[in-house]
Amino acid sequence: MDFLPIFARMVELFIIIIIGYVATKIKVINRDIKAGLTKIILYISIPCTILSSVANAEKLPEGKELLILLAVSFSSYIVLFVLAKITGILLGLSGKQKGAAEFGIMFANVGFIGFPVTEAIFGPDALIYTAMFNLPFNLLCYCLGVIMIKGEKLSKFGENSSANELLKLIFTPAMISSIMALIMTLLKTQVPDLISNTLERVGGITTPGALIIIGASLAEIKVSEMFNNSKAYLFAVMSVIVTPLITYLIYKPFTADYPVLFGVTVIISAMPVATAGTMLCVEHGGDERFMAQITFLTTLLTVFSIPIVATRL
């Protein structure tokens, strides 16, 4: 793959982030607008994007490839968990700052940036692959991720939450639509053009809307605080360079016959930190400042790093 077309696409996406940033700074977007747009993206457009990835796909994974896709998507989080623990140790972090770093390595921005980037690099047929990576993300982010952010041990899982609360956290609209997409793929479901076209149009909101939200979130952080932590720089290198390199080496032998699956797996591992991290830090008393720093730096670096990674696929 050529560097310049992918770089140009990443710059386009980053410009939308800047638009969200500027719009917030000049008071066009406030917290209420950002909250409302976030709900539209999470509850409406991302589910439509996921379902559209099946309904409008010219080619869907099937049989052996589908099984490999599920195995890779779930096993990749085991790899990321190990890398997250190693990162915390290598950077000499402790407490909630260590938890934020672990969260950042394990939970990349699959939902907001993953869909537009994988589509830009591999085309619309890659969206179903990205959707499958949403399954383990949603299963783990709001339970294991919260434990990491709090700086607690794994034995604390579910200790202060009822089964119903945990189910509500896990079975989000994105999770439900991902399961539906999987079932549609298995059953080779044919969707009427009226429905598939509607899903595609509504899903089209996801890319600009999600990137505007990221820009709006970054606008709430002081610029001076984004560049004054050396460990945040080291984390960013580990996140967007080392992690995809290790993912490449691990999964290349198993997915060599499925280039799109392999490519999506590596690109997903190269994504910036999930924006959910900052919101969860606010809600659960995590290290919000460090999480904001690593989210900003990884988002900025991926403009350059993702095109470089893509050219090596």
Protein backbone atom coordinates (compact mmCIF):
# COMPACT_ATOMS: atom_id res chain seq x y z
CA MET A 1 0.00 0.00 0.00
CA ASP A 2 1.18 3.50 -0.83
CA PHE A 3 1.97 5.87 2.02
CA LEU A 4 0.65 9.14 0.58
CA PRO A 5 -3.00 8.15 -0.08
CA ILE A 6 -3.34 6.69 3.41
CA PHE A 7 -1.54 9.66 4.96
CA ALA A 8 -3.87 12.02 3.09
CA ARG A 9 -6.87 10.12 4.42
CA MET A 10 -5.53 10.29 7.98
CA VAL A 11 -4.95 14.03 7.60
CA GLU A 12 -8.56 14.40 6.42
CA LEU A 13 -9.76 12.59 9.53
CA PHE A 14 -7.52 14.70 11.77
CA ILE A 15 -8.85 17.91 10.18
CA ILE A 16 -12.34 16.86 11.31
CA ILE A 17 -10.93 16.44 14.82
CA ILE A 18 -9.55 19.99 14.57
CA ILE A 19 -12.98 21.23 13.47
CA GLY A 20 -14.48 19.71 16.62
CA TYR A 21 -11.69 21.26 18.68
CA VAL A 22 -12.16 24.76 17.22
CA ALA A 23 -15.96 24.54 17.36
CA THR A 24 -15.70 23.82 21.08
CA LYS A 25 -13.23 26.60 21.70
CA ILE A 26 -15.49 29.17 20.02
CA LYS A 27 -18.53 27.85 21.94
CA VAL A 28 -20.36 26.37 18.94
CA ILE A 29 -20.19 23.01 20.74
CA ASN A 30 -20.80 22.84 24.46
CA ARG A 31 -21.00 19.93 26.88
CA ASP A 32 -24.71 19.39 26.22
CA ILE A 33 -24.22 19.28 22.45
CA LYS A 34 -21.25 16.95 22.82
CA ALA A 35 -23.23 14.66 25.14
CA GLY A 36 -26.17 14.59 22.73
CA LEU A 37 -23.97 13.91 19.71
CA THR A 38 -22.17 11.17 21.63
CA LYS A 39 -25.48 9.43 22.31
CA ILE A 40 -26.46 9.68 18.65
CA ILE A 41 -23.15 8.10 17.63
CA LEU A 42 -23.16 5.37 20.28
CA TYR A 43 -26.85 4.47 20.19
CA ILE A 44 -27.75 5.06 16.54
CA SER A 45 -25.01 5.59 13.98
CA ILE A 46 -22.39 3.04 15.15
CA PRO A 47 -24.99 0.23 15.32
CA CYS A 48 -26.14 1.24 11.82
CA THR A 49 -22.54 1.23 10.61
CA ILE A 50 -22.02 -2.27 11.99
CA LEU A 51 -25.22 -3.64 10.46
CA SER A 52 -24.52 -1.83 7.20
CA SER A 53 -21.13 -3.55 7.03
CA VAL A 54 -23.02 -6.82 6.50
CA ALA A 55 -26.04 -5.53 4.60
CA ASN A 56 -23.97 -3.69 1.97
CA ALA A 57 -20.89 -5.92 1.80
CA GLU A 58 -20.01 -7.37 -1.59
CA LYS A 59 -18.09 -10.16 0.10
CA LEU A 60 -18.44 -11.51 3.63
CA PRO A 61 -16.11 -13.81 5.57
CA GLU A 62 -17.44 -17.33 5.73
CA GLY A 63 -16.59 -20.77 7.02
CA LYS A 64 -13.01 -21.10 8.12
CA GLU A 65 -12.24 -17.40 7.72
CA LEU A 66 -15.11 -16.42 10.00
CA LEU A 67 -13.91 -18.81 12.70
CA ILE A 68 -10.38 -17.46 12.36
CA LEU A 69 -11.74 -13.89 12.56
CA LEU A 70 -13.51 -14.63 15.85
CA ALA A 71 -10.47 -16.47 17.23
CA VAL A 72 -8.16 -13.60 16.28
CA SER A 73 -10.45 -10.87 17.62
CA PHE A 74 -10.79 -12.52 21.03
CA SER A 75 -7.23 -13.82 21.34
CA SER A 76 -5.82 -10.41 20.43
CA TYR A 77 -7.13 -9.09 23.73
CA ILE A 78 -5.13 -11.74 25.57
CA VAL A 79 -2.02 -10.48 23.75
CA LEU A 80 -2.96 -6.88 24.56
CA PHE A 81 -3.55 -7.73 28.22
CA VAL A 82 -0.02 -9.15 28.49
CA LEU A 83 1.43 -6.13 26.68
CA ALA A 84 -0.56 -3.82 28.97
CA LYS A 85 0.99 -5.40 32.07
CA ILE A 86 4.48 -5.25 30.53
CA THR A 87 4.01 -1.58 29.60
CA GLY A 88 3.08 -0.61 33.16
CA ILE A 89 6.21 -2.31 34.48
CA LEU A 90 8.58 -0.94 31.79
CA LEU A 91 7.41 2.62 32.33
CA GLY A 92 7.75 2.31 36.09
CA LEU A 93 4.17 3.35 36.72
CA SER A 94 2.08 2.61 39.76
CA GLY A 95 -1.44 2.98 41.10
CA LYS A 96 -4.07 4.63 38.96
CA GLN A 97 -1.51 5.98 36.48
CA LYS A 98 -0.41 2.41 35.81
CA GLY A 99 -4.08 1.43 35.43
CA ALA A 100 -4.62 4.19 32.88
CA ALA A 101 -1.62 2.99 30.86
CA GLU A 102 -2.82 -0.61 30.98
CA PHE A 103 -6.26 0.48 29.81
CA GLY A 104 -4.70 2.54 27.03
CA ILE A 105 -2.72 -0.40 25.62
CA MET A 106 -5.57 -2.87 25.85
CA PHE A 107 -8.46 -0.73 24.64
CA ALA A 108 -7.86 1.11 21.39
CA ASN A 109 -10.31 3.40 19.65
CA VAL A 110 -12.08 0.67 17.68
CA GLY A 111 -15.51 2.30 17.63
CA PHE A 112 -14.84 5.95 16.82
CA ILE A 113 -11.69 5.79 14.68
CA GLY A 114 -11.49 2.08 13.84
CA PHE A 115 -14.40 2.08 11.40
CA PRO A 116 -13.40 5.12 9.29
CA VAL A 117 -9.71 4.15 9.20
CA THR A 118 -10.17 0.48 8.26
CA GLU A 119 -12.73 1.51 5.64
CA ALA A 120 -10.32 4.10 4.24
CA ILE A 121 -7.48 1.58 3.99
CA PHE A 122 -9.24 -1.66 3.03
CA GLY A 123 -12.62 -0.52 1.68
CA PRO A 124 -16.18 -1.00 2.99
CA ASP A 125 -15.93 -4.80 3.06
CA ALA A 126 -13.45 -4.47 5.95
CA LEU A 127 -16.13 -3.03 8.24
CA ILE A 128 -17.49 -6.46 9.19
CA TYR A 129 -14.00 -7.42 10.39
CA THR A 130 -13.82 -4.26 12.49
CA ALA A 131 -17.29 -4.97 13.88
CA MET A 132 -16.11 -8.36 15.16
CA PHE A 133 -13.36 -6.62 17.15
CA ASN A 134 -16.14 -4.70 18.88
CA LEU A 135 -17.39 -7.92 20.49
CA PRO A 136 -14.45 -8.49 22.88
CA PHE A 137 -14.02 -4.73 23.29
CA ASN A 138 -17.53 -4.29 24.66
CA LEU A 139 -17.29 -7.45 26.74
CA LEU A 140 -14.11 -6.29 28.47
CA CYS A 141 -13.88 -2.49 28.37
CA TYR A 142 -16.61 -1.71 30.88
CA CYS A 143 -15.68 -4.40 33.38
CA LEU A 144 -11.97 -5.27 33.15
CA GLY A 145 -11.25 -1.75 31.88
CA VAL A 146 -12.93 -0.17 34.90
CA ILE A 147 -10.88 -2.38 37.25
CA MET A 148 -7.68 -1.22 35.53
CA ILE A 149 -8.69 2.44 35.78
CA LYS A 150 -9.46 2.11 39.47
CA GLY A 151 -6.08 0.48 40.03
CA GLU A 152 -7.73 -2.56 41.58
CA LYS A 153 -6.92 -6.26 41.39
CA LEU A 154 -8.82 -8.58 39.04
CA SER A 155 -10.39 -10.25 42.07
CA LYS A 156 -12.46 -7.07 42.48
CA PHE A 157 -14.37 -7.81 39.28
CA GLY A 158 -18.10 -7.49 39.85
CA GLU A 159 -17.68 -7.06 43.62
CA ASN A 160 -19.54 -3.76 43.77
CA SER A 161 -21.88 -4.28 40.81
CA SER A 162 -25.02 -6.33 40.39
CA ALA A 163 -25.45 -8.76 37.51
CA ASN A 164 -27.96 -6.41 35.89
CA GLU A 165 -25.55 -3.48 36.07
CA LEU A 166 -22.78 -5.53 34.49
CA LEU A 167 -25.09 -6.72 31.71
CA LYS A 168 -26.08 -3.12 30.96
CA LEU A 169 -22.41 -2.14 30.71
CA ILE A 170 -21.52 -5.05 28.44
CA PHE A 171 -24.54 -5.30 26.17
CA THR A 172 -24.34 -1.88 24.59
CA PRO A 173 -26.03 -1.06 21.25
CA ALA A 174 -22.67 -1.62 19.53
CA MET A 175 -22.36 -5.03 21.17
CA ILE A 176 -25.91 -6.05 20.26
CA SER A 177 -25.51 -4.90 16.66
CA SER A 178 -22.17 -6.75 16.42
CA ILE A 179 -23.88 -9.96 17.52
CA MET A 180 -26.66 -9.32 14.99
CA ALA A 181 -24.03 -8.74 12.28
CA LEU A 182 -22.38 -12.03 13.18
CA ILE A 183 -25.70 -13.87 12.96
CA MET A 184 -26.53 -12.19 9.64
CA THR A 185 -23.14 -13.26 8.31
CA LEU A 186 -23.60 -16.86 9.45
CA LEU A 187 -27.09 -17.05 7.96
CA LYS A 188 -26.15 -15.14 4.78
CA THR A 189 -29.13 -12.86 5.43
CA GLN A 190 -30.32 -10.80 2.47
CA VAL A 191 -31.47 -7.31 3.42
CA PRO A 192 -33.86 -5.28 1.20
CA ASP A 193 -32.22 -2.31 -0.53
CA LEU A 194 -34.50 0.09 1.32
CA ILE A 195 -33.11 -1.12 4.67
CA SER A 196 -29.48 -1.48 3.59
CA ASN A 197 -29.42 1.99 2.03
CA THR A 198 -30.99 3.50 5.15
CA LEU A 199 -28.40 1.79 7.37
CA GLU A 200 -25.61 3.08 5.15
CA ARG A 201 -26.87 6.68 5.20
CA VAL A 202 -27.39 6.79 8.96
CA GLY A 203 -24.08 5.03 9.52
CA GLY A 204 -22.43 7.76 7.47
CA ILE A 205 -22.82 10.04 10.49
CA THR A 206 -20.35 7.92 12.47
CA THR A 207 -17.06 9.09 10.97
CA PRO A 208 -17.49 12.90 11.09
CA GLY A 209 -19.57 12.79 14.26
CA ALA A 210 -17.13 10.60 16.18
CA LEU A 211 -14.11 12.65 15.13
CA ILE A 212 -15.84 15.91 16.07
CA ILE A 213 -16.52 14.42 19.52
CA ILE A 214 -12.84 13.55 19.90
CA GLY A 215 -11.90 17.11 18.96
CA ALA A 216 -14.45 18.49 21.41
CA SER A 217 -13.04 16.28 24.19
CA LEU A 218 -9.48 17.39 23.47
CA ALA A 219 -10.59 21.03 23.59
CA GLU A 220 -11.47 20.58 27.25
CA ILE A 221 -7.84 19.77 28.08
CA LYS A 222 -5.15 22.43 28.53
CA VAL A 223 -2.62 22.24 25.71
CA SER A 224 0.25 22.75 28.16
CA GLU A 225 -0.78 19.59 30.00
CA MET A 226 -0.56 17.48 26.85
CA PHE A 227 3.20 17.77 26.38
CA ASN A 228 4.72 17.86 29.86
CA ASN A 229 4.91 14.16 30.77
CA SER A 230 7.83 12.13 29.40
CA LYS A 231 6.17 8.85 30.36
CA ALA A 232 3.18 9.74 28.20
CA TYR A 233 5.57 10.00 25.21
CA LEU A 234 7.08 6.60 26.02
CA PHE A 235 3.59 5.16 26.33
CA ALA A 236 2.60 6.59 22.96
CA VAL A 237 5.57 4.90 21.26
CA MET A 238 4.67 1.61 22.94
CA SER A 239 1.03 1.97 21.94
CA VAL A 240 1.17 2.97 18.28
CA ILE A 241 4.50 1.44 17.21
CA VAL A 242 5.57 -1.46 19.42
CA THR A 243 2.10 -2.96 19.91
CA PRO A 244 1.23 -3.22 16.18
CA LEU A 245 4.72 -4.61 15.49
CA ILE A 246 4.23 -7.39 18.02
CA THR A 247 0.70 -8.02 16.72
CA TYR A 248 2.12 -8.26 13.19
CA LEU A 249 4.69 -10.86 14.23
CA ILE A 250 2.21 -12.95 16.22
CA TYR A 251 -0.67 -13.08 13.72
CA LYS A 252 1.15 -13.09 10.39
CA PRO A 253 1.64 -16.91 10.35
CA PHE A 254 -2.04 -17.58 11.16
CA THR A 255 -3.69 -15.10 8.82
CA ALA A 256 -1.37 -15.08 5.81
CA ASP A 257 -4.14 -16.46 3.57
CA TYR A 258 -6.59 -13.76 4.68
CA PRO A 259 -4.93 -10.40 3.94
CA VAL A 260 -7.89 -8.19 4.93
CA LEU A 261 -8.30 -9.98 8.25
CA PHE A 262 -4.57 -9.70 8.92
CA GLY A 263 -4.50 -6.05 7.92
CA VAL A 264 -7.48 -5.09 10.07
CA THR A 265 -5.99 -6.96 13.05
CA VAL A 266 -2.74 -4.99 12.84
CA ILE A 267 -4.39 -1.64 12.11
CA ILE A 268 -6.80 -2.05 15.05
CA SER A 269 -3.81 -2.65 17.33
CA ALA A 270 -2.28 0.59 16.04
CA MET A 271 -5.30 2.74 16.94
CA PRO A 272 -5.05 5.52 19.54
CA VAL A 273 -6.36 5.10 23.07
CA ALA A 274 -10.13 4.63 23.31
CA THR A 275 -11.92 7.87 24.16
CA ALA A 276 -14.02 5.86 26.62
CA GLY A 277 -10.98 5.87 28.90
CA THR A 278 -11.29 9.53 29.82
CA MET A 279 -15.03 9.22 30.49
CA LEU A 280 -14.46 6.16 32.68
CA CYS A 281 -11.70 7.96 34.60
CA VAL A 282 -14.11 10.79 35.37
CA GLU A 283 -16.81 8.37 36.46
CA HIS A 284 -14.64 6.03 38.53
CA GLY A 285 -11.96 8.34 39.91
CA GLY A 286 -9.11 7.25 37.66
CA ASP A 287 -6.07 9.25 36.57
CA GLU A 288 -7.96 11.55 34.20
CA ARG A 289 -4.96 13.78 33.47
CA PHE A 290 -2.65 10.95 32.37
CA MET A 291 -5.44 9.31 30.37
CA ALA A 292 -6.10 12.59 28.55
CA GLN A 293 -2.39 12.99 27.81
CA ILE A 294 -1.98 9.53 26.27
CA THR A 295 -5.26 9.85 24.37
CA PHE A 296 -4.14 13.13 22.81
CA LEU A 297 -0.61 12.00 21.97
CA THR A 298 -1.65 8.67 20.45
CA THR A 299 -4.40 10.37 18.42
CA LEU A 300 -1.85 12.85 17.07
CA LEU A 301 0.83 10.24 16.34
CA THR A 302 -1.51 7.90 14.46
CA VAL A 303 -1.81 10.48 11.67
CA PHE A 304 1.75 9.42 10.79
CA SER A 305 2.09 5.95 12.32
CA ILE A 306 -0.98 4.29 10.77
CA PRO A 307 0.07 5.13 7.18
CA ILE A 308 3.52 3.73 7.96
CA VAL A 309 2.05 0.56 9.43
CA ALA A 310 -0.37 0.19 6.49
CA THR A 311 2.45 0.40 3.95
CA ARG A 312 4.08 -2.63 5.60
CA LEU A 313 1.01 -4.86 5.32
